[in-house]
């Protein structure tokens, strides 16, 4: 953020809400959305080097935190209900959000050049994400008990999803039999479950943030293009192939277009305000 620039609190509130919703919804990566919205690097810096980063980025924290809380506990519940009516429409909305931010992400990834090794890293990361998602959805068959340890693990998965672009915690929690019990406990506001998840979230996010921040400093071009590949693969992996009828396909197209336009608008607000 540059000195004297207008601070877009509304944009950060909306970004936080969408990232919070993405942290719990199936097939959606909160980290990928953070990259797409241009707030990933400041977030990583605040977790990895708070003494240096907080004086520069502290004004982001209140709107992001409030938005994330609203998204996680309110929007995600509404979208979960909407996904029971039409999962395709909801997924296309998020795909549009990511697609609308890919041009800016591509420019940012090339800030320090585009060597051949960067494109190799981009391809390998995209392929690894596809293989990992396939393994979780079709091979993994382990069940965990919905107890204290299980919910700490759920929180750690959500923390990893916030830090690692393209990593979605929900499919793993579903495969382990923890997703629906967790949603039920959140709906009932069981504080023991919330505390366990928060503990796992903070531990995982803080430890992984240091690693990602170090990688960005030392190998920016490789890591940035790897993230680009992961974000694109994350969006493509959501693609619904079946629709109930023509109306659902039409609504999906409208949702994708709306998400795309919203992401482009958010990007323009960021540019006008001097970025983060």
C-alpha atoms as a PDB file:
ATOM      1  CA  UNK A   1       0.000   0.000   0.000  1.00  0.00           C
ATOM      2  CA  UNK A   2       1.379   3.354  -0.862  1.00  0.00           C
ATOM      3  CA  UNK A   3       1.235   6.277   1.477  1.00  0.00           C
ATOM      4  CA  UNK A   4      -1.780   8.509   1.015  1.00  0.00           C
ATOM      5  CA  UNK A   5      -3.688   5.970  -1.074  1.00  0.00           C
ATOM      6  CA  UNK A   6      -7.367   5.445  -0.392  1.00  0.00           C
ATOM      7  CA  UNK A   7      -7.795   2.356   1.769  1.00  0.00           C
ATOM      8  CA  UNK A   8     -10.522   0.093   0.325  1.00  0.00           C
ATOM      9  CA  UNK A   9     -12.073  -1.331   3.510  1.00  0.00           C
ATOM     10  CA  UNK A  10     -15.143  -2.562   1.639  1.00  0.00           C
ATOM     11  CA  UNK A  11     -12.974  -4.530  -0.768  1.00  0.00           C
ATOM     12  CA  UNK A  12     -11.077  -6.240   2.046  1.00  0.00           C
ATOM     13  CA  UNK A  13     -14.322  -6.996   3.862  1.00  0.00           C
ATOM     14  CA  UNK A  14     -15.683  -8.695   0.735  1.00  0.00           C
ATOM     15  CA  UNK A  15     -12.379 -10.507   0.108  1.00  0.00           C
ATOM     16  CA  UNK A  16     -12.352 -11.783   3.679  1.00  0.00           C
ATOM     17  CA  UNK A  17     -15.948 -12.983   3.414  1.00  0.00           C
ATOM     18  CA  UNK A  18     -15.285 -14.916   0.202  1.00  0.00           C
ATOM     19  CA  UNK A  19     -12.052 -16.420   1.548  1.00  0.00           C
ATOM     20  CA  UNK A  20     -13.809 -17.429   4.769  1.00  0.00           C
ATOM     21  CA  UNK A  21     -16.562 -19.103   2.775  1.00  0.00           C
ATOM     22  CA  UNK A  22     -13.971 -20.804   0.582  1.00  0.00           C
ATOM     23  CA  UNK A  23     -12.214 -22.207   3.641  1.00  0.00           C
ATOM     24  CA  UNK A  24     -15.121 -24.531   4.422  1.00  0.00           C
ATOM     25  CA  UNK A  25     -16.875 -25.133   1.077  1.00  0.00           C
ATOM     26  CA  UNK A  26     -16.049 -28.261  -0.952  1.00  0.00           C
ATOM     27  CA  UNK A  27     -13.689 -27.830  -3.889  1.00  0.00           C
ATOM     28  CA  UNK A  28     -12.787 -24.215  -3.082  1.00  0.00           C
ATOM     29  CA  UNK A  29      -9.410 -23.048  -1.765  1.00  0.00           C
ATOM     30  CA  UNK A  30      -9.273 -20.034   0.520  1.00  0.00           C
ATOM     31  CA  UNK A  31      -5.582 -19.672  -0.306  1.00  0.00           C
ATOM     32  CA  UNK A  32      -6.296 -19.656  -4.030  1.00  0.00           C
ATOM     33  CA  UNK A  33      -8.879 -16.920  -3.534  1.00  0.00           C
ATOM     34  CA  UNK A  34      -6.390 -14.910  -1.440  1.00  0.00           C
ATOM     35  CA  UNK A  35      -3.880 -15.127  -4.297  1.00  0.00           C
ATOM     36  CA  UNK A  36      -6.554 -14.253  -6.823  1.00  0.00           C
ATOM     37  CA  UNK A  37      -7.585 -11.165  -4.843  1.00  0.00           C
ATOM     38  CA  UNK A  38      -3.989  -9.949  -4.400  1.00  0.00           C
ATOM     39  CA  UNK A  39      -3.793 -10.212  -0.606  1.00  0.00           C
ATOM     40  CA  UNK A  40      -1.827 -13.460  -0.293  1.00  0.00           C
ATOM     41  CA  UNK A  41       1.675 -12.001   0.068  1.00  0.00           C
ATOM     42  CA  UNK A  42       0.750  -9.415   2.755  1.00  0.00           C
ATOM     43  CA  UNK A  43      -1.111 -12.156   4.653  1.00  0.00           C
ATOM     44  CA  UNK A  44       1.930 -14.451   4.502  1.00  0.00           C
ATOM     45  CA  UNK A  45       4.234 -11.659   5.609  1.00  0.00           C
ATOM     46  CA  UNK A  46       2.047 -10.842   8.612  1.00  0.00           C
ATOM     47  CA  UNK A  47       2.084 -14.477   9.722  1.00  0.00           C
ATOM     48  CA  UNK A  48       5.770 -15.112   9.025  1.00  0.00           C
ATOM     49  CA  UNK A  49       7.313 -11.739  10.004  1.00  0.00           C
ATOM     50  CA  UNK A  50       4.724  -9.847  12.068  1.00  0.00           C
ATOM     51  CA  UNK A  51       7.136  -7.232  13.454  1.00  0.00           C
ATOM     52  CA  UNK A  52       8.112  -6.105   9.966  1.00  0.00           C
ATOM     53  CA  UNK A  53       4.778  -6.571   8.194  1.00  0.00           C
ATOM     54  CA  UNK A  54       2.221  -5.316  10.720  1.00  0.00           C
ATOM     55  CA  UNK A  55       3.272  -1.635  10.526  1.00  0.00           C
ATOM     56  CA  UNK A  56       2.740  -1.785   6.729  1.00  0.00           C
ATOM     57  CA  UNK A  57      -0.419  -3.872   6.534  1.00  0.00           C
ATOM     58  CA  UNK A  58      -2.195  -3.578   9.889  1.00  0.00           C
ATOM     59  CA  UNK A  59      -5.145  -1.677   8.398  1.00  0.00           C
ATOM     60  CA  UNK A  60      -6.069  -4.773   6.383  1.00  0.00           C
ATOM     61  CA  UNK A  61      -6.600  -6.889   9.487  1.00  0.00           C
ATOM     62  CA  UNK A  62      -9.936  -5.579  10.890  1.00  0.00           C
ATOM     63  CA  UNK A  63     -11.954  -5.726   7.627  1.00  0.00           C
ATOM     64  CA  UNK A  64     -10.352  -9.017   6.579  1.00  0.00           C
ATOM     65  CA  UNK A  65     -10.935 -10.617   9.983  1.00  0.00           C
ATOM     66  CA  UNK A  66     -14.546  -9.412  10.146  1.00  0.00           C
ATOM     67  CA  UNK A  67     -15.196 -10.508   6.571  1.00  0.00           C
ATOM     68  CA  UNK A  68     -13.574 -13.914   7.134  1.00  0.00           C
ATOM     69  CA  UNK A  69     -15.705 -14.482  10.241  1.00  0.00           C
ATOM     70  CA  UNK A  70     -18.892 -13.538   8.406  1.00  0.00           C
ATOM     71  CA  UNK A  71     -17.930 -15.676   5.428  1.00  0.00           C
ATOM     72  CA  UNK A  72     -16.962 -18.693   7.480  1.00  0.00           C
ATOM     73  CA  UNK A  73     -19.965 -18.724   9.784  1.00  0.00           C
ATOM     74  CA  UNK A  74     -22.709 -17.082   7.720  1.00  0.00           C
ATOM     75  CA  UNK A  75     -22.003 -17.011   3.985  1.00  0.00           C
ATOM     76  CA  UNK A  76     -20.611 -20.550   3.991  1.00  0.00           C
ATOM     77  CA  UNK A  77     -23.796 -21.798   5.659  1.00  0.00           C
ATOM     78  CA  UNK A  78     -25.925 -20.034   3.062  1.00  0.00           C
ATOM     79  CA  UNK A  79     -23.778 -21.283   0.209  1.00  0.00           C
ATOM     80  CA  UNK A  80     -23.824 -24.782   1.648  1.00  0.00           C
ATOM     81  CA  UNK A  81     -27.608 -24.648   1.544  1.00  0.00           C
ATOM     82  CA  UNK A  82     -27.435 -23.249  -1.995  1.00  0.00           C
ATOM     83  CA  UNK A  83     -25.080 -26.056  -3.013  1.00  0.00           C
ATOM     84  CA  UNK A  84     -27.692 -28.600  -1.966  1.00  0.00           C
ATOM     85  CA  UNK A  85     -30.018 -26.924  -4.474  1.00  0.00           C
ATOM     86  CA  UNK A  86     -27.443 -26.466  -7.230  1.00  0.00           C
ATOM     87  CA  UNK A  87     -23.787 -27.259  -6.609  1.00  0.00           C
ATOM     88  CA  UNK A  88     -22.962 -26.419 -10.224  1.00  0.00           C
ATOM     89  CA  UNK A  89     -24.135 -22.802  -9.962  1.00  0.00           C
ATOM     90  CA  UNK A  90     -22.134 -22.182  -6.772  1.00  0.00           C
ATOM     91  CA  UNK A  91     -18.968 -23.745  -8.173  1.00  0.00           C
ATOM     92  CA  UNK A  92     -19.232 -21.708 -11.374  1.00  0.00           C
ATOM     93  CA  UNK A  93     -19.548 -18.552  -9.269  1.00  0.00           C
ATOM     94  CA  UNK A  94     -16.210 -19.263  -7.599  1.00  0.00           C
ATOM     95  CA  UNK A  95     -14.640 -20.325 -10.893  1.00  0.00           C
ATOM     96  CA  UNK A  96     -15.652 -16.947 -12.314  1.00  0.00           C
ATOM     97  CA  UNK A  97     -14.072 -15.188  -9.333  1.00  0.00           C
ATOM     98  CA  UNK A  98     -10.779 -16.975  -9.933  1.00  0.00           C
ATOM     99  CA  UNK A  99     -10.892 -16.557 -13.724  1.00  0.00           C
ATOM    100  CA  UNK A 100     -11.448 -12.814 -13.383  1.00  0.00           C
ATOM    101  CA  UNK A 101      -8.276 -12.465 -11.328  1.00  0.00           C
ATOM    102  CA  UNK A 102      -5.973 -14.697 -13.418  1.00  0.00           C
ATOM    103  CA  UNK A 103      -4.755 -11.846 -15.717  1.00  0.00           C
ATOM    104  CA  UNK A 104      -3.523  -9.823 -12.728  1.00  0.00           C
ATOM    105  CA  UNK A 105      -2.036 -12.950 -11.169  1.00  0.00           C
ATOM    106  CA  UNK A 106      -0.214 -13.718 -14.429  1.00  0.00           C
ATOM    107  CA  UNK A 107       1.282 -10.221 -14.528  1.00  0.00           C
ATOM    108  CA  UNK A 108       2.349 -10.461 -10.894  1.00  0.00           C
ATOM    109  CA  UNK A 109       3.980 -13.872 -11.435  1.00  0.00           C
ATOM    110  CA  UNK A 110       6.142 -12.411 -14.229  1.00  0.00           C
ATOM    111  CA  UNK A 111       7.374  -9.487 -12.169  1.00  0.00           C
ATOM    112  CA  UNK A 112      10.883 -11.016 -11.929  1.00  0.00           C
ATOM    113  CA  UNK A 113      10.915 -12.748 -15.311  1.00  0.00           C
ATOM    114  CA  UNK A 114       9.599 -15.996 -16.786  1.00  0.00           C
ATOM    115  CA  UNK A 115      12.460 -18.505 -17.144  1.00  0.00           C
ATOM    116  CA  UNK A 116      11.761 -21.937 -18.606  1.00  0.00           C
ATOM    117  CA  UNK A 117      12.106 -23.448 -15.130  1.00  0.00           C
ATOM    118  CA  UNK A 118       9.184 -21.299 -13.963  1.00  0.00           C
ATOM    119  CA  UNK A 119       6.881 -22.844 -16.592  1.00  0.00           C
ATOM    120  CA  UNK A 120       8.101 -26.316 -15.635  1.00  0.00           C
ATOM    121  CA  UNK A 121       7.241 -25.548 -12.013  1.00  0.00           C
ATOM    122  CA  UNK A 122       3.830 -24.218 -13.098  1.00  0.00           C
ATOM    123  CA  UNK A 123       3.055 -27.441 -14.980  1.00  0.00           C
ATOM    124  CA  UNK A 124       4.311 -29.757 -12.238  1.00  0.00           C
ATOM    125  CA  UNK A 125       2.348 -27.951  -9.522  1.00  0.00           C
ATOM    126  CA  UNK A 126      -0.852 -28.067 -11.580  1.00  0.00           C
ATOM    127  CA  UNK A 127      -0.381 -31.803 -12.262  1.00  0.00           C
ATOM    128  CA  UNK A 128       0.384 -32.500  -8.592  1.00  0.00           C
ATOM    129  CA  UNK A 129      -2.810 -30.762  -7.515  1.00  0.00           C
ATOM    130  CA  UNK A 130      -4.924 -32.807  -9.936  1.00  0.00           C
ATOM    131  CA  UNK A 131      -3.286 -36.038  -8.749  1.00  0.00           C
ATOM    132  CA  UNK A 132      -3.757 -35.102  -5.080  1.00  0.00           C
ATOM    133  CA  UNK A 133      -7.426 -34.264  -5.518  1.00  0.00           C
ATOM    134  CA  UNK A 134      -8.017 -37.500  -7.403  1.00  0.00           C
ATOM    135  CA  UNK A 135      -6.371 -39.494  -4.598  1.00  0.00           C
ATOM    136  CA  UNK A 136      -8.448 -37.799  -1.906  1.00  0.00           C
ATOM    137  CA  UNK A 137     -11.737 -38.182  -3.772  1.00  0.00           C
ATOM    138  CA  UNK A 138     -11.360 -41.696  -5.185  1.00  0.00           C
ATOM    139  CA  UNK A 139      -8.671 -43.612  -3.238  1.00  0.00           C
ATOM    140  CA  UNK A 140      -8.533 -42.395   0.374  1.00  0.00           C
ATOM    141  CA  UNK A 141     -10.818 -44.468   2.576  1.00  0.00           C
ATOM    142  CA  UNK A 142      -9.808 -43.575   6.174  1.00  0.00           C
ATOM    143  CA  UNK A 143     -12.386 -42.475   8.774  1.00  0.00           C
ATOM    144  CA  UNK A 144     -11.579 -40.360  11.862  1.00  0.00           C
ATOM    145  CA  UNK A 145     -13.726 -39.891  14.953  1.00  0.00           C
ATOM    146  CA  UNK A 146     -15.306 -36.420  15.353  1.00  0.00           C
ATOM    147  CA  UNK A 147     -13.566 -35.735  18.678  1.00  0.00           C
ATOM    148  CA  UNK A 148     -11.070 -33.184  20.000  1.00  0.00           C
ATOM    149  CA  UNK A 149      -8.135 -34.567  18.028  1.00  0.00           C
ATOM    150  CA  UNK A 150     -10.232 -34.868  14.889  1.00  0.00           C
ATOM    151  CA  UNK A 151     -11.350 -31.239  15.114  1.00  0.00           C
ATOM    152  CA  UNK A 152      -7.806 -29.990  15.764  1.00  0.00           C
ATOM    153  CA  UNK A 153      -6.867 -31.836  12.575  1.00  0.00           C
ATOM    154  CA  UNK A 154      -9.786 -30.154  10.751  1.00  0.00           C
ATOM    155  CA  UNK A 155      -8.508 -26.772  11.916  1.00  0.00           C
ATOM    156  CA  UNK A 156      -5.022 -27.642  10.687  1.00  0.00           C
ATOM    157  CA  UNK A 157      -6.462 -28.564   7.284  1.00  0.00           C
ATOM    158  CA  UNK A 158      -8.289 -25.210   7.111  1.00  0.00           C
ATOM    159  CA  UNK A 159      -5.063 -23.427   8.115  1.00  0.00           C
ATOM    160  CA  UNK A 160      -3.202 -25.245   5.356  1.00  0.00           C
ATOM    161  CA  UNK A 161      -5.951 -24.252   2.913  1.00  0.00           C
ATOM    162  CA  UNK A 162      -5.529 -20.605   3.902  1.00  0.00           C
ATOM    163  CA  UNK A 163      -1.763 -20.709   3.284  1.00  0.00           C
ATOM    164  CA  UNK A 164      -1.347 -23.201   0.430  1.00  0.00           C
ATOM    165  CA  UNK A 165      -3.088 -21.943  -2.745  1.00  0.00           C
ATOM    166  CA  UNK A 166      -5.211 -24.621  -4.368  1.00  0.00           C
ATOM    167  CA  UNK A 167      -5.395 -26.778  -1.241  1.00  0.00           C
ATOM    168  CA  UNK A 168      -9.031 -27.403  -0.296  1.00  0.00           C
ATOM    169  CA  UNK A 169      -9.672 -28.794   3.170  1.00  0.00           C
ATOM    170  CA  UNK A 170     -13.294 -29.823   2.613  1.00  0.00           C
ATOM    171  CA  UNK A 171     -12.708 -32.843   0.300  1.00  0.00           C
ATOM    172  CA  UNK A 172     -10.232 -34.335   2.792  1.00  0.00           C
ATOM    173  CA  UNK A 173     -12.607 -33.761   5.712  1.00  0.00           C
ATOM    174  CA  UNK A 174     -15.386 -35.409   3.692  1.00  0.00           C
ATOM    175  CA  UNK A 175     -13.189 -38.411   2.931  1.00  0.00           C
ATOM    176  CA  UNK A 176     -12.328 -38.745   6.627  1.00  0.00           C
ATOM    177  CA  UNK A 177     -15.969 -38.484   7.743  1.00  0.00           C
ATOM    178  CA  UNK A 178     -15.431 -35.188   9.607  1.00  0.00           C
ATOM    179  CA  UNK A 179     -17.055 -32.631   7.315  1.00  0.00           C
ATOM    180  CA  UNK A 180     -20.740 -33.012   8.231  1.00  0.00           C
ATOM    181  CA  UNK A 181     -20.112 -33.342  12.008  1.00  0.00           C
ATOM    182  CA  UNK A 182     -17.999 -30.182  11.838  1.00  0.00           C
ATOM    183  CA  UNK A 183     -20.728 -28.239  10.012  1.00  0.00           C
ATOM    184  CA  UNK A 184     -23.303 -29.482  12.525  1.00  0.00           C
ATOM    185  CA  UNK A 185     -21.165 -28.323  15.457  1.00  0.00           C
ATOM    186  CA  UNK A 186     -20.591 -24.923  13.831  1.00  0.00           C
ATOM    187  CA  UNK A 187     -24.321 -24.548  13.275  1.00  0.00           C
ATOM    188  CA  UNK A 188     -24.932 -25.384  16.955  1.00  0.00           C
ATOM    189  CA  UNK A 189     -22.061 -23.062  18.002  1.00  0.00           C
ATOM    190  CA  UNK A 190     -20.292 -25.695  20.097  1.00  0.00           C
ATOM    191  CA  UNK A 191     -17.427 -23.696  21.550  1.00  0.00           C
ATOM    192  CA  UNK A 192     -15.230 -26.717  22.276  1.00  0.00           C
ATOM    193  CA  UNK A 193     -15.239 -27.567  18.575  1.00  0.00           C
ATOM    194  CA  UNK A 194     -14.539 -23.954  17.619  1.00  0.00           C
ATOM    195  CA  UNK A 195     -11.612 -23.769  20.059  1.00  0.00           C
ATOM    196  CA  UNK A 196     -10.117 -27.036  18.780  1.00  0.00           C
ATOM    197  CA  UNK A 197     -10.386 -25.909  15.159  1.00  0.00           C
ATOM    198  CA  UNK A 198      -8.909 -22.498  15.934  1.00  0.00           C
ATOM    199  CA  UNK A 199      -5.924 -24.127  17.662  1.00  0.00           C
ATOM    200  CA  UNK A 200      -5.181 -26.328  14.672  1.00  0.00           C
ATOM    201  CA  UNK A 201      -5.744 -23.446  12.260  1.00  0.00           C
ATOM    202  CA  UNK A 202      -3.280 -21.091  13.965  1.00  0.00           C
ATOM    203  CA  UNK A 203      -0.563 -23.722  14.383  1.00  0.00           C
ATOM    204  CA  UNK A 204      -0.743 -24.881  10.752  1.00  0.00           C
ATOM    205  CA  UNK A 205      -1.094 -21.429   9.207  1.00  0.00           C
ATOM    206  CA  UNK A 206       1.766 -19.892  11.202  1.00  0.00           C
ATOM    207  CA  UNK A 207       4.216 -22.710  10.489  1.00  0.00           C
ATOM    208  CA  UNK A 208       3.407 -22.991   6.773  1.00  0.00           C
ATOM    209  CA  UNK A 209       3.425 -19.200   6.316  1.00  0.00           C
ATOM    210  CA  UNK A 210       7.099 -19.031   7.269  1.00  0.00           C
ATOM    211  CA  UNK A 211       7.921 -21.658   4.676  1.00  0.00           C
ATOM    212  CA  UNK A 212       5.941 -19.967   1.892  1.00  0.00           C
ATOM    213  CA  UNK A 213       7.303 -16.517   2.734  1.00  0.00           C
ATOM    214  CA  UNK A 214      10.882 -17.843   2.613  1.00  0.00           C
ATOM    215  CA  UNK A 215      10.266 -19.550  -0.716  1.00  0.00           C
ATOM    216  CA  UNK A 216       8.832 -16.362  -2.226  1.00  0.00           C
ATOM    217  CA  UNK A 217      11.864 -14.348  -1.112  1.00  0.00           C
ATOM    218  CA  UNK A 218      14.414 -16.823  -2.462  1.00  0.00           C
ATOM    219  CA  UNK A 219      12.733 -18.252  -5.588  1.00  0.00           C
ATOM    220  CA  UNK A 220      10.064 -15.746  -6.529  1.00  0.00           C
ATOM    221  CA  UNK A 221       9.672 -16.629 -10.216  1.00  0.00           C
ATOM    222  CA  UNK A 222       9.473 -20.379  -9.577  1.00  0.00           C
ATOM    223  CA  UNK A 223       7.064 -20.121  -6.642  1.00  0.00           C
ATOM    224  CA  UNK A 224       4.868 -17.453  -8.252  1.00  0.00           C
ATOM    225  CA  UNK A 225       4.430 -19.518 -11.422  1.00  0.00           C
ATOM    226  CA  UNK A 226       3.857 -22.643  -9.330  1.00  0.00           C
ATOM    227  CA  UNK A 227       1.080 -20.798  -7.506  1.00  0.00           C
ATOM    228  CA  UNK A 228      -0.312 -19.662 -10.867  1.00  0.00           C
ATOM    229  CA  UNK A 229      -0.496 -23.284 -12.023  1.00  0.00           C
ATOM    230  CA  UNK A 230      -2.105 -24.399  -8.778  1.00  0.00           C
ATOM    231  CA  UNK A 231      -4.735 -21.649  -8.868  1.00  0.00           C
ATOM    232  CA  UNK A 232      -5.666 -22.431 -12.473  1.00  0.00           C
ATOM    233  CA  UNK A 233      -5.764 -26.172 -11.754  1.00  0.00           C
ATOM    234  CA  UNK A 234      -7.856 -25.511  -8.645  1.00  0.00           C
ATOM    235  CA  UNK A 235     -10.464 -23.692 -10.733  1.00  0.00           C
ATOM    236  CA  UNK A 236     -10.473 -26.336 -13.462  1.00  0.00           C
ATOM    237  CA  UNK A 237     -10.786 -29.157 -10.930  1.00  0.00           C
ATOM    238  CA  UNK A 238     -14.101 -27.677  -9.763  1.00  0.00           C
ATOM    239  CA  UNK A 239     -15.658 -27.856 -13.234  1.00  0.00           C
ATOM    240  CA  UNK A 240     -19.101 -29.489 -13.051  1.00  0.00           C
ATOM    241  CA  UNK A 241     -19.836 -31.770 -15.990  1.00  0.00           C
ATOM    242  CA  UNK A 242     -23.448 -32.642 -15.261  1.00  0.00           C
ATOM    243  CA  UNK A 243     -26.500 -30.383 -15.111  1.00  0.00           C
ATOM    244  CA  UNK A 244     -30.068 -31.226 -14.178  1.00  0.00           C
ATOM    245  CA  UNK A 245     -31.526 -29.201 -17.013  1.00  0.00           C
ATOM    246  CA  UNK A 246     -30.891 -26.300 -19.380  1.00  0.00           C
ATOM    247  CA  UNK A 247     -31.936 -23.763 -16.738  1.00  0.00           C
ATOM    248  CA  UNK A 248     -29.201 -24.927 -14.372  1.00  0.00           C
ATOM    249  CA  UNK A 249     -26.614 -24.670 -17.151  1.00  0.00           C
ATOM    250  CA  UNK A 250     -27.867 -21.151 -17.963  1.00  0.00           C
ATOM    251  CA  UNK A 251     -27.766 -20.103 -14.288  1.00  0.00           C
ATOM    252  CA  UNK A 252     -24.234 -21.502 -14.038  1.00  0.00           C
ATOM    253  CA  UNK A 253     -23.138 -19.344 -16.969  1.00  0.00           C
ATOM    254  CA  UNK A 254     -24.705 -16.264 -15.349  1.00  0.00           C
ATOM    255  CA  UNK A 255     -23.007 -17.054 -12.011  1.00  0.00           C
ATOM    256  CA  UNK A 256     -19.634 -17.497 -13.720  1.00  0.00           C
ATOM    257  CA  UNK A 257     -20.010 -14.183 -15.540  1.00  0.00           C
ATOM    258  CA  UNK A 258     -21.043 -12.419 -12.331  1.00  0.00           C
ATOM    259  CA  UNK A 259     -18.043 -13.848 -10.482  1.00  0.00           C
ATOM    260  CA  UNK A 260     -15.717 -12.799 -13.296  1.00  0.00           C
ATOM    261  CA  UNK A 261     -17.036  -9.225 -13.356  1.00  0.00           C
ATOM    262  CA  UNK A 262     -16.883  -8.991  -9.553  1.00  0.00           C
ATOM    263  CA  UNK A 263     -13.240 -10.138  -9.526  1.00  0.00           C
ATOM    264  CA  UNK A 264     -12.293  -7.634 -12.234  1.00  0.00           C
ATOM    265  CA  UNK A 265     -14.054  -4.864 -10.323  1.00  0.00           C
ATOM    266  CA  UNK A 266     -12.240  -5.798  -7.125  1.00  0.00           C
ATOM    267  CA  UNK A 267      -8.958  -5.760  -9.058  1.00  0.00           C
ATOM    268  CA  UNK A 268      -9.649  -2.255 -10.368  1.00  0.00           C
ATOM    269  CA  UNK A 269     -10.426  -1.024  -6.847  1.00  0.00           C
ATOM    270  CA  UNK A 270      -7.115  -2.486  -5.690  1.00  0.00           C
ATOM    271  CA  UNK A 271      -5.242  -0.717  -8.522  1.00  0.00           C
ATOM    272  CA  UNK A 272      -6.955   2.603  -7.816  1.00  0.00           C
ATOM    273  CA  UNK A 273      -6.100   2.357  -4.116  1.00  0.00           C
ATOM    274  CA  UNK A 274      -2.430   1.615  -4.769  1.00  0.00           C
ATOM    275  CA  UNK A 275      -2.632  -2.127  -4.129  1.00  0.00           C
ATOM    276  CA  UNK A 276      -1.646  -3.873  -0.940  1.00  0.00           C
END
